[in-house]
Amino acid sequence: MTRTYGIIGWPLGHTLSPALHNRGFAELGLDARYEAWPLEPDGLPAFIERVRTEPIYGLSVTIPHKRAVMAHLDRISDRALAIGAVNTVYWDGDLLCGENTDVIGVVAPLRGLDPLPRSAVVLGAGGAARAAVAGFLELGIERVAVSNRTRSKAEALAGDFGVKCVDWAGRMDVPWDLVCNTTPLGMSGDLVGETPWDAARFAAGAVAYDIVYNPLRTRFLAEAEAAGCRTVSGLEMFLHQGLAQFRLWTGRDMDEAGARRLLLSLLAPQPKQRG
């Protein structure tokens, strides 16, 4: 019997998750498929009943369901509880469980750094910022701070994790070892030319990490690289959170290099048609 997996969100829009996971199923010869299910908020309780009865063997969960889904699960990991959000639903025996692999995705591309950054500032105060703060603390970064245009949001996030809150106006006053953008600035569309950092204020040798992955090379990353920084694209977070989901669902590992090539090909700029 074909096992069914999928992603829920509203509005769901274009997602790379089906391409990533279906590639993994095909590569490992698993009889499974991954679908996209746009799901309005009031439809969540009935959908989770569907997950239990069909059954559906695993879910990726995105906005606006990451918090709401927690009330419908049998067990939630300590990591997901700390963040207050679930992005992955999986079965452990008869228990429907929740995990947050965004943290795993944030941390994975940093684990090989030697030395690890000793300080980090997270720009933004949404769900991705919470995952970044949790991940940096899990990694053992000594000094983590949060900065957001709306200070009250940054204060709330910082308070939840016991880290420092930095005024948006003063975010560049310290030469941080790691600067992580979790804001939408630089994202394809109206914000593509924007950046949350002044090009002249990057510390040489620092790490610039952008959660945005479309485009792959944001203005933030391009200017950081020109300033002598190491850069990490949001593609890496997306890839590694997806690999962790796949492992939870199947107990198997997708080929990381092949998955990265697939995502790079999907995100590569398409040549303009003549005519």
Protein backbone atom coordinates (compact mmCIF):
# COMPACT_ATOMS: atom_id res chain seq x y z
CA MET A 1 0.00 0.00 0.00
CA THR A 2 1.30 3.45 -0.94
CA ARG A 3 2.04 5.54 2.13
CA THR A 4 0.85 9.14 1.95
CA TYR A 5 2.64 12.18 3.35
CA GLY A 6 2.16 15.87 2.72
CA ILE A 7 2.32 19.50 3.76
CA ILE A 8 -0.45 21.64 5.23
CA GLY A 9 -0.60 25.44 5.29
CA TRP A 10 -2.79 28.40 4.32
CA PRO A 11 -2.28 29.91 1.90
CA LEU A 12 0.16 27.24 0.82
CA GLY A 13 1.49 28.78 -2.36
CA HIS A 14 4.45 27.22 -4.15
CA THR A 15 6.43 24.78 -2.02
CA LEU A 16 9.60 22.81 -2.79
CA SER A 17 8.72 20.12 -0.23
CA PRO A 18 6.89 17.74 -2.62
CA ALA A 19 9.82 17.71 -5.04
CA LEU A 20 12.30 17.08 -2.21
CA HIS A 21 10.44 14.27 -0.49
CA ASN A 22 9.16 12.54 -3.61
CA ARG A 23 12.75 12.46 -4.86
CA GLY A 24 13.76 10.75 -1.61
CA PHE A 25 11.00 8.15 -1.89
CA ALA A 26 11.97 7.36 -5.48
CA GLU A 27 15.69 7.23 -4.69
CA LEU A 28 15.17 4.69 -1.89
CA GLY A 29 12.49 2.68 -3.70
CA LEU A 30 9.81 3.47 -1.11
CA ASP A 31 6.15 3.06 -2.05
CA ALA A 32 5.13 6.52 -0.91
CA ARG A 33 4.01 9.90 -2.19
CA TYR A 34 4.06 13.42 -0.80
CA GLU A 35 1.25 15.87 -1.57
CA ALA A 36 0.43 19.53 -0.94
CA TRP A 37 -2.78 20.18 1.00
CA PRO A 38 -3.90 23.82 1.29
CA LEU A 39 -5.80 23.86 4.57
CA GLU A 40 -7.77 26.75 6.06
CA PRO A 41 -7.38 27.18 9.84
CA ASP A 42 -10.89 26.00 10.74
CA GLY A 43 -10.29 22.76 8.84
CA LEU A 44 -7.38 21.62 11.02
CA PRO A 45 -9.27 19.46 13.59
CA ALA A 46 -11.03 17.45 10.88
CA PHE A 47 -7.81 17.05 8.93
CA ILE A 48 -5.95 15.63 11.94
CA GLU A 49 -8.76 13.10 12.31
CA ARG A 50 -8.12 12.19 8.68
CA VAL A 51 -4.42 11.76 9.51
CA ARG A 52 -5.37 9.32 12.25
CA THR A 53 -7.93 7.32 10.28
CA GLU A 54 -6.56 6.97 6.74
CA PRO A 55 -3.77 6.99 8.06
CA ILE A 56 -1.50 9.71 6.73
CA TYR A 57 2.04 8.76 7.71
CA GLY A 58 3.61 12.18 8.15
CA LEU A 59 3.04 15.91 7.78
CA SER A 60 5.07 19.01 7.17
CA VAL A 61 3.30 21.88 8.92
CA THR A 62 3.64 25.52 7.95
CA ILE A 63 1.90 28.83 8.68
CA PRO A 64 -0.66 29.22 10.24
CA HIS A 65 -0.87 25.72 11.74
CA LYS A 66 2.46 25.36 13.57
CA ARG A 67 1.04 26.32 16.96
CA ALA A 68 -2.56 25.19 16.52
CA VAL A 69 -1.60 21.63 15.57
CA MET A 70 0.02 21.07 18.96
CA ALA A 71 -3.36 20.71 20.69
CA HIS A 72 -4.22 17.75 18.45
CA LEU A 73 -1.11 15.61 19.06
CA ASP A 74 -0.35 12.87 21.58
CA ARG A 75 3.26 13.84 22.26
CA ILE A 76 5.42 16.87 21.54
CA SER A 77 9.20 17.02 21.74
CA ASP A 78 10.94 19.24 24.29
CA ARG A 79 12.46 21.19 21.40
CA ALA A 80 9.06 21.92 19.84
CA LEU A 81 7.62 22.84 23.25
CA ALA A 82 10.46 25.30 23.86
CA ILE A 83 9.86 26.98 20.51
CA GLY A 84 6.09 26.77 20.82
CA ALA A 85 5.67 25.38 17.31
CA VAL A 86 5.56 22.06 15.46
CA ASN A 87 6.63 21.81 11.83
CA THR A 88 6.68 18.01 11.59
CA VAL A 89 4.07 15.42 12.54
CA TYR A 90 5.06 11.75 12.62
CA TRP A 91 3.96 8.45 14.10
CA ASP A 92 5.75 6.65 16.93
CA GLY A 93 3.81 3.43 17.26
CA ASP A 94 0.22 4.48 17.96
CA LEU A 95 1.22 7.98 19.08
CA LEU A 96 0.89 10.97 16.78
CA CYS A 97 3.91 13.12 17.61
CA GLY A 98 5.17 16.63 16.94
CA GLU A 99 8.73 17.83 16.37
CA ASN A 100 10.37 21.03 15.15
CA THR A 101 13.04 20.23 12.59
CA ASP A 102 13.52 23.93 11.76
CA VAL A 103 16.00 24.00 14.65
CA ILE A 104 17.89 21.05 13.17
CA GLY A 105 17.85 22.85 9.82
CA VAL A 106 19.26 26.05 11.32
CA VAL A 107 22.07 24.32 13.17
CA ALA A 108 23.20 21.70 10.62
CA PRO A 109 25.22 23.98 8.29
CA LEU A 110 27.01 25.55 11.29
CA ARG A 111 28.18 22.37 13.01
CA GLY A 112 31.28 22.09 10.83
CA LEU A 113 32.55 25.59 11.62
CA ASP A 114 35.84 25.74 13.50
CA PRO A 115 35.82 27.70 15.67
CA LEU A 116 32.12 28.09 16.33
CA PRO A 117 30.86 31.67 16.55
CA ARG A 118 30.91 32.96 20.13
CA SER A 119 28.23 35.60 19.56
CA ALA A 120 25.15 35.80 17.35
CA VAL A 121 22.40 38.31 16.64
CA VAL A 122 19.09 37.14 15.21
CA LEU A 123 17.22 39.72 13.14
CA GLY A 124 13.45 39.29 13.35
CA ALA A 125 11.07 37.92 15.97
CA GLY A 126 8.82 35.43 14.17
CA GLY A 127 8.79 31.65 14.04
CA ALA A 128 12.07 31.38 12.12
CA ALA A 129 13.73 33.68 14.65
CA ARG A 130 12.56 31.44 17.50
CA ALA A 131 14.03 28.41 15.72
CA ALA A 132 17.30 30.28 15.14
CA VAL A 133 17.64 31.35 18.79
CA ALA A 134 16.85 27.83 20.01
CA GLY A 135 19.32 26.38 17.53
CA PHE A 136 22.15 28.74 18.43
CA LEU A 137 21.66 27.99 22.12
CA GLU A 138 21.58 24.26 21.36
CA LEU A 139 24.83 24.69 19.43
CA GLY A 140 26.48 26.30 22.46
CA ILE A 141 26.95 29.85 21.17
CA GLU A 142 27.82 31.86 24.27
CA ARG A 143 26.12 35.19 23.55
CA VAL A 144 22.85 35.28 21.60
CA ALA A 145 20.74 38.39 21.04
CA VAL A 146 17.52 39.28 19.22
CA SER A 147 16.73 42.49 17.37
CA ASN A 148 13.47 43.45 15.70
CA ARG A 149 11.91 46.66 14.42
CA THR A 150 9.08 46.20 16.91
CA ARG A 151 11.04 46.02 20.15
CA SER A 152 8.20 44.48 22.17
CA LYS A 153 8.27 41.39 19.94
CA ALA A 154 12.03 41.05 20.34
CA GLU A 155 11.69 41.47 24.11
CA ALA A 156 9.07 38.71 24.28
CA LEU A 157 11.22 36.30 22.27
CA ALA A 158 14.37 37.17 24.22
CA GLY A 159 12.50 36.70 27.49
CA ASP A 160 11.28 33.24 26.46
CA PHE A 161 14.83 32.04 25.84
CA GLY A 162 16.75 34.11 28.36
CA VAL A 163 18.81 35.96 25.76
CA LYS A 164 19.53 39.66 25.22
CA CYS A 165 17.27 42.08 23.34
CA VAL A 166 19.05 44.70 21.21
CA ASP A 167 17.43 47.85 19.84
CA TRP A 168 16.97 47.73 16.06
CA ALA A 169 18.82 51.03 15.78
CA GLY A 170 21.78 49.56 17.69
CA ARG A 171 21.90 46.12 16.11
CA MET A 172 25.10 46.87 14.17
CA ASP A 173 26.98 48.53 17.04
CA VAL A 174 28.61 45.24 18.09
CA PRO A 175 30.90 43.17 15.79
CA TRP A 176 28.84 39.96 15.97
CA ASP A 177 30.47 36.66 14.95
CA LEU A 178 27.19 35.52 13.39
CA VAL A 179 24.42 37.65 11.90
CA CYS A 180 21.24 35.73 11.04
CA ASN A 181 18.47 37.32 8.98
CA THR A 182 15.04 35.81 9.63
CA THR A 183 13.14 38.83 8.28
CA PRO A 184 11.57 38.78 4.79
CA LEU A 185 13.95 41.53 3.62
CA GLY A 186 15.63 40.33 0.43
CA MET A 187 12.93 37.82 -0.50
CA SER A 188 11.85 37.55 -4.14
CA GLY A 189 9.18 40.10 -4.97
CA ASP A 190 8.83 43.63 -3.64
CA LEU A 191 11.53 43.12 -0.98
CA VAL A 192 14.22 41.57 -3.19
CA GLY A 193 16.41 44.68 -3.14
CA GLU A 194 16.19 45.14 0.65
CA THR A 195 18.64 44.10 3.36
CA PRO A 196 18.56 44.32 7.18
CA TRP A 197 22.28 45.18 7.43
CA ASP A 198 24.55 47.98 6.28
CA ALA A 199 27.21 46.62 3.91
CA ALA A 200 29.91 48.64 5.67
CA ARG A 201 29.07 47.18 9.10
CA PHE A 202 29.89 43.51 8.53
CA ALA A 203 32.83 42.25 10.59
CA ALA A 204 35.40 40.54 8.38
CA GLY A 205 35.48 36.81 9.06
CA ALA A 206 31.97 36.80 10.55
CA VAL A 207 29.24 34.43 9.36
CA ALA A 208 26.21 35.87 7.56
CA TYR A 209 23.23 33.49 7.57
CA ASP A 210 20.08 34.27 5.60
CA ILE A 211 16.92 32.22 6.17
CA VAL A 212 15.60 33.52 2.83
CA TYR A 213 16.31 30.99 0.06
CA ASN A 214 14.60 32.60 -2.91
CA PRO A 215 16.68 34.16 -4.33
CA LEU A 216 19.61 32.00 -3.27
CA ARG A 217 21.98 34.96 -3.25
CA THR A 218 20.23 37.80 -1.46
CA ARG A 219 21.61 41.31 -1.26
CA PHE A 220 22.43 40.58 2.40
CA LEU A 221 24.59 37.58 1.45
CA ALA A 222 26.21 39.25 -1.56
CA GLU A 223 27.29 42.25 0.51
CA ALA A 224 28.48 40.04 3.36
CA GLU A 225 30.63 37.98 1.00
CA ALA A 226 32.12 41.16 -0.50
CA ALA A 227 33.00 42.24 3.06
CA GLY A 228 34.94 39.03 3.69
CA CYS A 229 32.28 37.09 5.57
CA ARG A 230 31.44 33.43 5.30
CA THR A 231 27.87 33.01 4.09
CA VAL A 232 25.13 30.44 4.61
CA SER A 233 22.10 30.42 2.31
CA GLY A 234 18.58 29.69 3.50
CA LEU A 235 18.65 26.72 1.13
CA GLU A 236 20.75 24.89 3.72
CA MET A 237 18.17 25.37 6.48
CA PHE A 238 15.35 24.26 4.19
CA LEU A 239 17.34 21.24 3.01
CA HIS A 240 18.37 20.04 6.46
CA GLN A 241 14.97 20.50 8.07
CA GLY A 242 13.55 18.43 5.21
CA LEU A 243 16.19 15.71 5.58
CA ALA A 244 15.36 15.51 9.29
CA GLN A 245 11.64 15.19 8.51
CA PHE A 246 12.33 12.40 6.02
CA ARG A 247 14.42 10.54 8.63
CA LEU A 248 11.65 10.82 11.24
CA TRP A 249 9.06 9.46 8.82
CA THR A 250 11.02 6.64 7.20
CA GLY A 251 14.01 5.83 9.39
CA ARG A 252 16.10 6.29 6.24
CA ASP A 253 18.48 8.99 5.04
CA MET A 254 17.95 10.80 1.76
CA ASP A 255 21.09 11.48 -0.28
CA GLU A 256 22.05 14.98 0.87
CA ALA A 257 24.16 15.93 -2.13
CA GLY A 258 21.51 14.79 -4.60
CA ALA A 259 18.78 16.61 -2.70
CA ARG A 260 20.85 19.80 -2.69
CA ARG A 261 21.39 19.56 -6.46
CA LEU A 262 17.65 19.15 -6.97
CA LEU A 263 16.81 22.23 -4.90
CA LEU A 264 19.52 24.29 -6.59
CA SER A 265 18.12 23.34 -10.00
CA LEU A 266 14.59 24.31 -8.92
CA LEU A 267 15.74 27.67 -7.58
CA ALA A 268 18.07 28.53 -10.46
CA PRO A 269 16.92 31.58 -12.45
CA GLN A 270 15.06 30.47 -15.56
CA PRO A 271 16.19 31.90 -18.93
CA LYS A 272 13.76 34.44 -20.33
CA GLN A 273 11.73 33.34 -23.33
CA ARG A 274 12.22 35.23 -26.54
CA GLY A 275 9.31 36.31 -28.58
